[in-house]
Amino acid sequence: MNKFTATVSNIDNFDNLNIVSFDFFDYTLSMMSLDLNKNIKVGTKVELMANPSHVAVGKDFSGTISYSNQIKAKISEIENGKLLTNLKLKVQETVLESFITLKSSKKMNLQKDDEVTVFIKATELSIYKILT
């Protein structure tokens, strides 16, 4: 499970739906949530969570896509199995993990030290823990 620290920068809500924005290094990440802990406010430091199987990767990506969360990263480790590839993706000092199919990894010719774009849907990002 990917866990990384960010700070709440904005909260938009309507009825029971919340869109929470976070500062993560030089990126603004977004999370969609139906229920939001009353202790979550702008300025709150949190630990976010994303399942590695919900972390997509693009190489030489340009264009527009509906994924709210797009982060530039470098592949620090790549392990090809019989069906899946496990990627360790470094964003400054934070390491994220992604599981993709071996076929996709080969199609993109992914290699250690490649620069990639990490994609996480807002519905797949969640708050694991409130830190402050």
N, C-alpha and C. Protein backbone atom coordinates (compact mmCIF):
# COMPACT_ATOMS: atom_id res chain seq x y z
N MET A 1 0.84 -1.18 0.00
CA MET A 1 0.00 0.00 0.00
C MET A 1 0.88 1.24 0.00
N ASN A 2 0.60 2.18 -0.87
CA ASN A 2 1.31 3.45 -0.91
C ASN A 2 0.79 4.36 0.19
N LYS A 3 1.68 4.90 0.99
CA LYS A 3 1.33 5.88 2.01
C LYS A 3 2.33 7.02 1.91
N PHE A 4 1.80 8.25 1.85
CA PHE A 4 2.68 9.40 1.73
C PHE A 4 2.02 10.63 2.35
N THR A 5 2.85 11.57 2.77
CA THR A 5 2.40 12.74 3.52
C THR A 5 2.05 13.90 2.60
N ALA A 6 0.95 14.57 2.92
CA ALA A 6 0.51 15.76 2.17
C ALA A 6 -0.24 16.68 3.15
N THR A 7 -0.52 17.89 2.70
CA THR A 7 -1.24 18.87 3.53
C THR A 7 -2.51 19.30 2.81
N VAL A 8 -3.62 19.33 3.54
CA VAL A 8 -4.90 19.75 2.96
C VAL A 8 -4.80 21.22 2.56
N SER A 9 -5.11 21.51 1.29
CA SER A 9 -5.03 22.90 0.81
C SER A 9 -6.39 23.49 0.48
N ASN A 10 -7.40 22.65 0.26
CA ASN A 10 -8.73 23.16 -0.06
C ASN A 10 -9.76 22.05 0.13
N ILE A 11 -10.96 22.45 0.49
CA ILE A 11 -12.07 21.49 0.60
C ILE A 11 -13.29 22.12 -0.07
N ASP A 12 -13.82 21.45 -1.09
CA ASP A 12 -15.06 21.84 -1.73
C ASP A 12 -16.09 20.77 -1.40
N ASN A 13 -17.31 21.20 -1.07
CA ASN A 13 -18.32 20.19 -0.81
C ASN A 13 -19.69 20.66 -1.27
N PHE A 14 -20.52 19.68 -1.57
CA PHE A 14 -21.90 19.90 -1.94
C PHE A 14 -22.66 18.68 -1.46
N ASP A 15 -23.69 18.95 -0.67
CA ASP A 15 -24.43 17.87 -0.02
C ASP A 15 -23.43 17.00 0.75
N ASN A 16 -23.31 15.75 0.39
CA ASN A 16 -22.43 14.83 1.12
C ASN A 16 -21.14 14.53 0.36
N LEU A 17 -20.94 15.18 -0.80
CA LEU A 17 -19.76 14.93 -1.61
C LEU A 17 -18.68 15.97 -1.32
N ASN A 18 -17.46 15.49 -1.12
CA ASN A 18 -16.32 16.37 -0.83
C ASN A 18 -15.22 16.13 -1.86
N ILE A 19 -14.64 17.21 -2.34
CA ILE A 19 -13.42 17.15 -3.13
C ILE A 19 -12.36 17.85 -2.30
N VAL A 20 -11.38 17.08 -1.86
CA VAL A 20 -10.33 17.61 -0.99
C VAL A 20 -9.05 17.71 -1.81
N SER A 21 -8.40 18.88 -1.74
CA SER A 21 -7.13 19.10 -2.43
C SER A 21 -6.00 19.06 -1.42
N PHE A 22 -4.85 18.57 -1.88
CA PHE A 22 -3.68 18.43 -1.01
C PHE A 22 -2.45 19.00 -1.72
N ASP A 23 -1.54 19.56 -0.93
CA ASP A 23 -0.22 19.93 -1.43
C ASP A 23 0.69 18.74 -1.19
N PHE A 24 1.32 18.27 -2.25
CA PHE A 24 2.29 17.18 -2.20
C PHE A 24 3.48 17.62 -3.04
N PHE A 25 4.52 18.10 -2.35
CA PHE A 25 5.66 18.72 -3.02
C PHE A 25 5.13 19.84 -3.92
N ASP A 26 5.43 19.82 -5.20
CA ASP A 26 4.98 20.88 -6.11
C ASP A 26 3.68 20.52 -6.83
N TYR A 27 2.97 19.52 -6.33
CA TYR A 27 1.76 19.03 -6.98
C TYR A 27 0.54 19.29 -6.11
N THR A 28 -0.59 19.49 -6.78
CA THR A 28 -1.88 19.53 -6.09
C THR A 28 -2.59 18.24 -6.41
N LEU A 29 -2.88 17.46 -5.37
CA LEU A 29 -3.60 16.20 -5.53
C LEU A 29 -5.05 16.39 -5.10
N SER A 30 -5.94 15.58 -5.65
CA SER A 30 -7.36 15.67 -5.31
C SER A 30 -7.89 14.31 -4.90
N MET A 31 -8.82 14.35 -3.95
CA MET A 31 -9.48 13.15 -3.46
C MET A 31 -10.98 13.41 -3.44
N MET A 32 -11.76 12.44 -3.89
CA MET A 32 -13.20 12.52 -3.81
C MET A 32 -13.66 11.65 -2.64
N SER A 33 -14.54 12.20 -1.80
CA SER A 33 -14.98 11.46 -0.62
C SER A 33 -16.44 11.77 -0.30
N LEU A 34 -17.17 10.74 0.10
CA LEU A 34 -18.56 10.96 0.54
C LEU A 34 -18.61 11.38 2.00
N ASP A 35 -17.78 10.80 2.81
CA ASP A 35 -17.73 11.15 4.23
C ASP A 35 -16.36 11.72 4.53
N LEU A 36 -16.33 12.82 5.27
CA LEU A 36 -15.07 13.46 5.60
C LEU A 36 -15.01 13.67 7.10
N ASN A 37 -13.95 13.20 7.71
CA ASN A 37 -13.73 13.37 9.14
C ASN A 37 -13.79 14.86 9.48
N LYS A 38 -14.50 15.21 10.54
CA LYS A 38 -14.67 16.62 10.93
C LYS A 38 -13.35 17.28 11.32
N ASN A 39 -12.31 16.50 11.59
CA ASN A 39 -11.00 17.07 11.94
C ASN A 39 -10.16 17.44 10.72
N ILE A 40 -10.67 17.12 9.53
CA ILE A 40 -9.95 17.47 8.30
C ILE A 40 -10.30 18.90 7.94
N LYS A 41 -9.29 19.77 7.99
CA LYS A 41 -9.46 21.18 7.66
C LYS A 41 -8.26 21.63 6.82
N VAL A 42 -8.38 22.77 6.17
CA VAL A 42 -7.25 23.33 5.42
C VAL A 42 -6.08 23.49 6.39
N GLY A 43 -4.92 23.02 5.97
CA GLY A 43 -3.71 23.08 6.80
C GLY A 43 -3.42 21.79 7.55
N THR A 44 -4.37 20.86 7.57
CA THR A 44 -4.17 19.59 8.26
C THR A 44 -3.17 18.74 7.48
N LYS A 45 -2.17 18.22 8.18
CA LYS A 45 -1.21 17.32 7.55
C LYS A 45 -1.76 15.90 7.70
N VAL A 46 -1.74 15.15 6.59
CA VAL A 46 -2.32 13.81 6.57
C VAL A 46 -1.38 12.83 5.89
N GLU A 47 -1.64 11.57 6.13
CA GLU A 47 -0.98 10.51 5.37
C GLU A 47 -2.02 9.97 4.39
N LEU A 48 -1.71 10.10 3.10
CA LEU A 48 -2.61 9.61 2.06
C LEU A 48 -2.25 8.18 1.70
N MET A 49 -3.23 7.51 1.09
CA MET A 49 -3.04 6.10 0.75
C MET A 49 -3.61 5.85 -0.65
N ALA A 50 -2.89 5.00 -1.40
CA ALA A 50 -3.36 4.55 -2.71
C ALA A 50 -2.85 3.14 -2.95
N ASN A 51 -3.72 2.28 -3.40
CA ASN A 51 -3.37 0.90 -3.69
C ASN A 51 -2.46 0.86 -4.92
N PRO A 52 -1.34 0.13 -4.87
CA PRO A 52 -0.43 0.06 -6.02
C PRO A 52 -1.09 -0.39 -7.32
N SER A 53 -2.14 -1.20 -7.23
CA SER A 53 -2.82 -1.65 -8.45
C SER A 53 -3.70 -0.55 -9.05
N HIS A 54 -3.88 0.56 -8.32
CA HIS A 54 -4.66 1.69 -8.82
C HIS A 54 -3.77 2.85 -9.25
N VAL A 55 -2.48 2.61 -9.32
CA VAL A 55 -1.52 3.63 -9.74
C VAL A 55 -1.09 3.31 -11.17
N ALA A 56 -1.52 4.15 -12.11
CA ALA A 56 -1.18 3.96 -13.52
C ALA A 56 0.08 4.76 -13.85
N VAL A 57 0.74 4.37 -14.93
CA VAL A 57 1.99 5.00 -15.33
C VAL A 57 1.95 5.31 -16.81
N GLY A 58 2.44 6.50 -17.18
CA GLY A 58 2.56 6.87 -18.58
C GLY A 58 3.99 7.29 -18.88
N LYS A 59 4.46 6.92 -20.05
CA LYS A 59 5.80 7.31 -20.48
C LYS A 59 5.65 8.21 -21.69
N ASP A 60 6.39 9.31 -21.71
CA ASP A 60 6.31 10.29 -22.80
C ASP A 60 4.87 10.76 -22.98
N PHE A 61 4.17 10.96 -21.87
CA PHE A 61 2.76 11.34 -21.92
C PHE A 61 2.61 12.82 -22.26
N SER A 62 1.73 13.10 -23.19
CA SER A 62 1.31 14.47 -23.45
C SER A 62 -0.15 14.41 -23.83
N GLY A 63 -0.86 15.43 -23.48
CA GLY A 63 -2.29 15.45 -23.79
C GLY A 63 -3.10 15.67 -22.53
N THR A 64 -4.38 15.46 -22.67
CA THR A 64 -5.31 15.68 -21.57
C THR A 64 -5.95 14.34 -21.22
N ILE A 65 -6.09 14.11 -19.91
CA ILE A 65 -6.68 12.87 -19.42
C ILE A 65 -7.49 13.21 -18.17
N SER A 66 -8.47 12.41 -17.84
CA SER A 66 -9.37 12.73 -16.74
C SER A 66 -8.80 12.45 -15.35
N TYR A 67 -7.65 11.82 -15.26
CA TYR A 67 -7.06 11.56 -13.95
C TYR A 67 -6.70 12.90 -13.30
N SER A 68 -7.24 13.15 -12.11
CA SER A 68 -6.97 14.40 -11.40
C SER A 68 -5.53 14.49 -10.93
N ASN A 69 -4.96 13.36 -10.57
CA ASN A 69 -3.64 13.34 -9.95
C ASN A 69 -2.60 12.84 -10.95
N GLN A 70 -1.72 13.76 -11.35
CA GLN A 70 -0.65 13.46 -12.30
C GLN A 70 0.65 13.95 -11.70
N ILE A 71 1.58 13.03 -11.47
CA ILE A 71 2.82 13.33 -10.76
C ILE A 71 3.99 12.84 -11.59
N LYS A 72 4.98 13.68 -11.78
CA LYS A 72 6.21 13.27 -12.47
C LYS A 72 7.07 12.47 -11.49
N ALA A 73 7.60 11.35 -11.96
CA ALA A 73 8.40 10.47 -11.11
C ALA A 73 9.50 9.82 -11.94
N LYS A 74 10.44 9.20 -11.24
CA LYS A 74 11.52 8.46 -11.89
C LYS A 74 11.43 7.02 -11.41
N ILE A 75 11.57 6.07 -12.31
CA ILE A 75 11.56 4.65 -11.94
C ILE A 75 12.86 4.36 -11.20
N SER A 76 12.75 4.00 -9.92
CA SER A 76 13.96 3.67 -9.14
C SER A 76 14.22 2.17 -9.11
N GLU A 77 13.16 1.37 -9.29
CA GLU A 77 13.30 -0.09 -9.37
C GLU A 77 12.23 -0.63 -10.30
N ILE A 78 12.57 -1.68 -11.02
CA ILE A 78 11.60 -2.35 -11.87
C ILE A 78 11.84 -3.85 -11.76
N GLU A 79 10.78 -4.57 -11.47
CA GLU A 79 10.88 -6.02 -11.33
C GLU A 79 9.81 -6.66 -12.20
N ASN A 80 10.25 -7.35 -13.24
CA ASN A 80 9.34 -8.03 -14.15
C ASN A 80 9.12 -9.46 -13.69
N GLY A 81 7.85 -9.81 -13.50
CA GLY A 81 7.48 -11.18 -13.18
C GLY A 81 6.95 -11.86 -14.43
N LYS A 82 6.28 -12.97 -14.26
CA LYS A 82 5.74 -13.70 -15.40
C LYS A 82 4.53 -12.99 -16.02
N LEU A 83 3.73 -12.29 -15.18
CA LEU A 83 2.54 -11.60 -15.67
C LEU A 83 2.52 -10.12 -15.33
N LEU A 84 3.15 -9.76 -14.21
CA LEU A 84 3.08 -8.37 -13.72
C LEU A 84 4.47 -7.76 -13.60
N THR A 85 4.48 -6.43 -13.62
CA THR A 85 5.69 -5.65 -13.35
C THR A 85 5.43 -4.81 -12.11
N ASN A 86 6.39 -4.85 -11.18
CA ASN A 86 6.33 -4.03 -9.97
C ASN A 86 7.29 -2.87 -10.17
N LEU A 87 6.76 -1.66 -10.07
CA LEU A 87 7.56 -0.45 -10.24
C LEU A 87 7.68 0.31 -8.93
N LYS A 88 8.87 0.78 -8.62
CA LYS A 88 9.09 1.73 -7.52
C LYS A 88 9.34 3.06 -8.21
N LEU A 89 8.55 4.06 -7.83
CA LEU A 89 8.55 5.35 -8.51
C LEU A 89 8.93 6.44 -7.51
N LYS A 90 10.01 7.12 -7.77
CA LYS A 90 10.51 8.10 -6.81
C LYS A 90 10.03 9.51 -7.18
N VAL A 91 9.39 10.16 -6.19
CA VAL A 91 8.96 11.55 -6.29
C VAL A 91 9.69 12.28 -5.16
N GLN A 92 10.74 12.98 -5.51
CA GLN A 92 11.65 13.58 -4.54
C GLN A 92 12.09 12.47 -3.58
N GLU A 93 11.82 12.58 -2.27
CA GLU A 93 12.26 11.53 -1.35
C GLU A 93 11.18 10.47 -1.07
N THR A 94 10.03 10.59 -1.72
CA THR A 94 8.93 9.64 -1.52
C THR A 94 8.95 8.58 -2.62
N VAL A 95 8.73 7.32 -2.23
CA VAL A 95 8.66 6.23 -3.20
C VAL A 95 7.22 5.71 -3.25
N LEU A 96 6.67 5.68 -4.46
CA LEU A 96 5.36 5.11 -4.70
C LEU A 96 5.55 3.79 -5.45
N GLU A 97 4.57 2.92 -5.33
CA GLU A 97 4.65 1.62 -5.97
C GLU A 97 3.48 1.45 -6.93
N SER A 98 3.74 0.81 -8.06
CA SER A 98 2.70 0.52 -9.03
C SER A 98 2.85 -0.91 -9.53
N PHE A 99 1.72 -1.60 -9.68
CA PHE A 99 1.69 -2.91 -10.31
C PHE A 99 0.99 -2.74 -11.65
N ILE A 100 1.67 -3.09 -12.72
CA ILE A 100 1.07 -3.05 -14.05
C ILE A 100 1.33 -4.40 -14.73
N THR A 101 0.66 -4.64 -15.83
CA THR A 101 0.90 -5.90 -16.53
C THR A 101 2.28 -5.88 -17.19
N LEU A 102 2.88 -7.04 -17.28
CA LEU A 102 4.16 -7.17 -17.96
C LEU A 102 4.04 -6.70 -19.41
N LYS A 103 2.90 -7.02 -20.03
CA LYS A 103 2.67 -6.61 -21.42
C LYS A 103 2.74 -5.08 -21.56
N SER A 104 2.13 -4.35 -20.62
CA SER A 104 2.18 -2.88 -20.66
C SER A 104 3.59 -2.37 -20.44
N SER A 105 4.30 -2.98 -19.50
CA SER A 105 5.67 -2.58 -19.22
C SER A 105 6.56 -2.74 -20.46
N LYS A 106 6.40 -3.88 -21.14
CA LYS A 106 7.20 -4.13 -22.34
C LYS A 106 6.78 -3.19 -23.48
N LYS A 107 5.47 -2.94 -23.62
CA LYS A 107 4.98 -2.05 -24.67
C LYS A 107 5.58 -0.65 -24.51
N MET A 108 5.72 -0.20 -23.26
CA MET A 108 6.29 1.13 -22.99
C MET A 108 7.81 1.10 -22.89
N ASN A 109 8.39 -0.10 -22.94
CA ASN A 109 9.84 -0.27 -22.80
C ASN A 109 10.36 0.43 -21.55
N LEU A 110 9.70 0.15 -20.41
CA LEU A 110 10.08 0.81 -19.15
C LEU A 110 11.42 0.29 -18.66
N GLN A 111 12.25 1.23 -18.22
CA GLN A 111 13.59 0.92 -17.72
C GLN A 111 13.84 1.71 -16.44
N LYS A 112 14.76 1.22 -15.61
CA LYS A 112 15.19 1.95 -14.43
C LYS A 112 15.69 3.33 -14.87
N ASP A 113 15.36 4.35 -14.07
CA ASP A 113 15.73 5.75 -14.29
C ASP A 113 14.89 6.45 -15.36
N ASP A 114 13.91 5.77 -15.97
CA ASP A 114 13.00 6.45 -16.89
C ASP A 114 12.16 7.47 -16.13
N GLU A 115 11.91 8.61 -16.77
CA GLU A 115 10.97 9.60 -16.25
C GLU A 115 9.58 9.21 -16.73
N VAL A 116 8.63 9.16 -15.80
CA VAL A 116 7.26 8.76 -16.14
C VAL A 116 6.28 9.70 -15.45
N THR A 117 5.03 9.61 -15.86
CA THR A 117 3.95 10.31 -15.19
C THR A 117 3.12 9.28 -14.44
N VAL A 118 2.89 9.54 -13.17
CA VAL A 118 2.07 8.67 -12.32
C VAL A 118 0.65 9.24 -12.32
N PHE A 119 -0.33 8.36 -12.50
CA PHE A 119 -1.74 8.77 -12.51
C PHE A 119 -2.48 8.04 -11.40
N ILE A 120 -3.23 8.82 -10.59
CA ILE A 120 -4.08 8.24 -9.55
C ILE A 120 -5.42 8.95 -9.62
N LYS A 121 -6.50 8.20 -9.82
CA LYS A 121 -7.83 8.80 -9.86
C LYS A 121 -8.19 9.36 -8.48
N ALA A 122 -8.96 10.43 -8.47
CA ALA A 122 -9.38 11.05 -7.21
C ALA A 122 -10.19 10.08 -6.35
N THR A 123 -10.89 9.15 -6.97
CA THR A 123 -11.69 8.18 -6.22
C THR A 123 -10.81 7.09 -5.60
N GLU A 124 -9.57 6.98 -6.03
CA GLU A 124 -8.66 5.93 -5.53
C GLU A 124 -7.68 6.44 -4.48
N LEU A 125 -7.74 7.72 -4.17
CA LEU A 125 -6.89 8.32 -3.15
C LEU A 125 -7.71 8.48 -1.88
N SER A 126 -7.14 8.14 -0.74
CA SER A 126 -7.87 8.27 0.52
C SER A 126 -6.94 8.71 1.64
N ILE A 127 -7.54 9.22 2.69
CA ILE A 127 -6.77 9.62 3.87
C ILE A 127 -6.62 8.41 4.77
N TYR A 128 -5.38 8.04 5.02
CA TYR A 128 -5.07 6.91 5.88
C TYR A 128 -5.03 7.35 7.34
N LYS A 129 -4.40 8.51 7.58
CA LYS A 129 -4.20 8.96 8.96
C LYS A 129 -4.08 10.48 9.00
N ILE A 130 -4.65 11.08 10.05
CA ILE A 130 -4.46 12.52 10.31
C ILE A 130 -3.20 12.65 11.14
N LEU A 131 -2.26 13.50 10.67
CA LEU A 131 -0.99 13.66 11.38
C LEU A 131 -1.00 14.87 12.29
N THR A 132 -1.65 15.96 11.89
CA THR A 132 -1.75 17.16 12.77
C THR A 132 -3.11 17.78 12.65
